[in-house]
Amino acid sequence: MCDTVAKSASALVEIAWPPEVDFILSALEAGPRPASERQRLVRLTHRVIAQLSLFSAQNDLPPDVLYVRHVNVQALGFLTNRQLPLSHGGLLRVPSLQGRTLAIYCTVLRCRPAAPGWFEGAVYFNRPQNAFAPSQPGAAVVRALQESTI
């Protein structure tokens, strides 16, 4: 069974990006940096909306909306307005760097309060997602934008 499936991006486009998300993201990025960087992989800024359907959720509940911060081949960082249960698995629908929506099996790694009513978190992918490798088309544009804001 394939872990990544190309789908239509139209379902994710209908969700609005709240202005408070930009405010919280800028506050997180302006905060203090750790003394030593623990990340082994390059994280690409990837500001898109994703949806997470947890396997443990009731069938009649809509997927959780994730406002993506950054991504690499192993994980994705996000903001959401609902605290997600740690270590729960699910199916993540997220646009790739090229704009195609991917369906990726993942597990909630972290979800902690970031601001009143908002939570910062991360999911890790059950298998590496080469669509988010820095060598992929679209990653060069993301890197150029990151460098211009430093």
Protein backbone atom coordinates (compact mmCIF):
# COMPACT_ATOMS: atom_id res chain seq x y z
CA MET A 1 0.00 0.00 0.00
CA CYS A 2 1.37 3.40 -0.96
CA ASP A 3 1.85 6.00 1.79
CA THR A 4 1.54 9.00 -0.53
CA VAL A 5 -1.36 9.45 -2.91
CA ALA A 6 -1.88 12.41 -5.24
CA LYS A 7 -5.32 13.96 -4.86
CA SER A 8 -7.11 17.14 -5.87
CA ALA A 9 -6.24 20.25 -3.86
CA SER A 10 -9.72 21.78 -4.23
CA ALA A 11 -11.07 20.56 -0.84
CA LEU A 12 -8.32 22.35 1.08
CA VAL A 13 -8.68 25.65 -0.78
CA GLU A 14 -12.11 26.37 0.75
CA ILE A 15 -10.66 26.85 4.26
CA ALA A 16 -9.64 30.41 5.19
CA TRP A 17 -6.27 31.31 6.77
CA PRO A 18 -7.09 33.23 10.00
CA PRO A 19 -5.09 36.44 10.61
CA GLU A 20 -4.24 35.33 14.16
CA VAL A 21 -2.31 32.38 12.71
CA ASP A 22 0.13 34.80 11.04
CA PHE A 23 0.51 36.67 14.33
CA ILE A 24 1.22 33.48 16.32
CA LEU A 25 3.64 32.17 13.68
CA SER A 26 5.60 35.43 13.72
CA ALA A 27 5.75 35.32 17.52
CA LEU A 28 7.02 31.71 17.46
CA GLU A 29 9.68 32.58 14.88
CA ALA A 30 10.80 35.68 16.81
CA GLY A 31 11.21 33.72 20.04
CA PRO A 32 14.54 32.54 21.45
CA ARG A 33 16.44 29.84 19.59
CA PRO A 34 17.88 26.79 21.37
CA ALA A 35 21.59 26.93 22.24
CA SER A 36 22.19 23.99 19.91
CA GLU A 37 20.09 23.11 16.89
CA ARG A 38 18.78 19.56 17.29
CA GLN A 39 17.21 19.32 13.85
CA ARG A 40 19.28 17.12 11.55
CA LEU A 41 17.16 17.81 8.47
CA VAL A 42 16.52 21.10 6.73
CA ARG A 43 13.03 22.43 7.46
CA LEU A 44 11.33 24.28 4.63
CA THR A 45 8.83 27.02 5.42
CA HIS A 46 5.58 25.79 3.89
CA ARG A 47 2.55 27.97 4.72
CA VAL A 48 -0.42 25.88 3.63
CA ILE A 49 -3.60 24.46 5.13
CA ALA A 50 -3.76 20.72 5.81
CA GLN A 51 -6.41 18.40 7.21
CA LEU A 52 -5.77 15.57 9.66
CA SER A 53 -8.22 12.71 10.10
CA LEU A 54 -7.26 10.80 13.24
CA PHE A 55 -8.04 7.10 13.24
CA SER A 56 -9.26 7.43 16.85
CA ALA A 57 -11.78 10.19 16.02
CA GLN A 58 -15.49 9.54 15.72
CA ASN A 59 -16.58 9.00 12.12
CA ASP A 60 -19.02 11.92 12.14
CA LEU A 61 -16.36 14.49 13.15
CA PRO A 62 -14.75 16.59 10.40
CA PRO A 63 -10.96 16.40 9.99
CA ASP A 64 -8.82 18.74 12.12
CA VAL A 65 -7.52 21.79 10.27
CA LEU A 66 -3.75 22.30 10.52
CA TYR A 67 -2.04 25.55 9.53
CA VAL A 68 1.36 24.31 8.40
CA ARG A 69 4.54 26.10 9.55
CA HIS A 70 7.32 24.04 8.06
CA VAL A 71 8.04 20.61 6.67
CA ASN A 72 10.84 18.16 5.90
CA VAL A 73 10.89 14.58 4.61
CA GLN A 74 10.14 13.17 8.09
CA ALA A 75 7.77 15.62 9.78
CA LEU A 76 5.54 18.67 9.60
CA GLY A 77 5.09 21.52 12.10
CA PHE A 78 1.69 23.20 12.47
CA LEU A 79 -0.75 25.36 14.42
CA THR A 80 -4.29 24.23 15.17
CA ASN A 81 -7.19 25.43 17.32
CA ARG A 82 -7.74 22.06 19.02
CA GLN A 83 -5.34 20.10 21.21
CA LEU A 84 -4.58 16.83 19.47
CA PRO A 85 -3.91 13.58 21.36
CA LEU A 86 -0.25 12.58 21.35
CA SER A 87 0.83 9.35 19.63
CA HIS A 88 -2.45 9.02 17.74
CA GLY A 89 -2.18 8.05 14.10
CA GLY A 90 -4.09 9.48 11.19
CA LEU A 91 -4.23 10.46 7.55
CA LEU A 92 -2.87 13.90 6.68
CA ARG A 93 -3.99 15.69 3.51
CA VAL A 94 -1.47 18.41 2.69
CA PRO A 95 -0.38 20.27 -0.47
CA SER A 96 3.12 19.39 -1.65
CA LEU A 97 5.72 22.00 -2.61
CA GLN A 98 4.34 21.73 -6.16
CA GLY A 99 0.72 22.23 -5.03
CA ARG A 100 -0.57 18.66 -5.44
CA THR A 101 -2.44 17.37 -2.40
CA LEU A 102 -0.81 14.35 -0.78
CA ALA A 103 -2.40 11.83 1.58
CA ILE A 104 0.20 10.77 4.16
CA TYR A 105 -0.07 8.38 7.10
CA CYS A 106 1.35 10.09 10.18
CA THR A 107 1.44 10.17 13.99
CA VAL A 108 0.97 13.17 16.32
CA LEU A 109 4.34 13.81 17.93
CA ARG A 110 3.69 17.06 19.81
CA CYS A 111 0.77 19.39 20.52
CA ARG A 112 1.18 22.10 23.17
CA PRO A 113 -0.42 25.47 23.93
CA ALA A 114 1.01 28.34 21.87
CA ALA A 115 -1.56 31.10 22.55
CA PRO A 116 -5.06 31.18 24.03
CA GLY A 117 -7.14 28.80 21.92
CA TRP A 118 -4.19 27.76 19.71
CA PHE A 119 -1.77 24.84 19.83
CA GLU A 120 1.62 24.32 18.20
CA GLY A 121 2.50 20.81 17.21
CA ALA A 122 4.18 18.35 14.92
CA VAL A 123 3.32 15.12 13.18
CA TYR A 124 5.90 12.69 11.91
CA PHE A 125 5.36 10.75 8.75
CA ASN A 126 5.23 6.96 8.98
CA ARG A 127 7.49 6.83 5.90
CA PRO A 128 9.86 9.46 4.47
CA GLN A 129 8.11 11.86 2.10
CA ASN A 130 10.53 12.76 -0.68
CA ALA A 131 7.99 15.26 -2.02
CA PHE A 132 9.27 17.55 0.78
CA ALA A 133 12.99 17.04 0.07
CA PRO A 134 14.99 20.26 -0.41
CA SER A 135 15.98 19.00 -3.88
CA GLN A 136 12.35 18.91 -5.11
CA PRO A 137 11.03 21.52 -7.58
CA GLY A 138 9.48 24.29 -5.54
CA ALA A 139 11.97 23.90 -2.68
CA ALA A 140 14.43 26.33 -4.32
CA VAL A 141 11.73 29.01 -4.31
CA VAL A 142 10.96 28.29 -0.65
CA ARG A 143 14.67 28.49 0.26
CA ALA A 144 15.07 31.79 -1.63
CA LEU A 145 12.10 33.25 0.27
CA GLN A 146 13.54 32.05 3.59
CA GLU A 147 16.94 33.59 2.84
CA SER A 148 15.41 36.92 1.82
CA THR A 149 13.63 37.22 5.18
CA ILE A 150 16.70 36.52 7.31
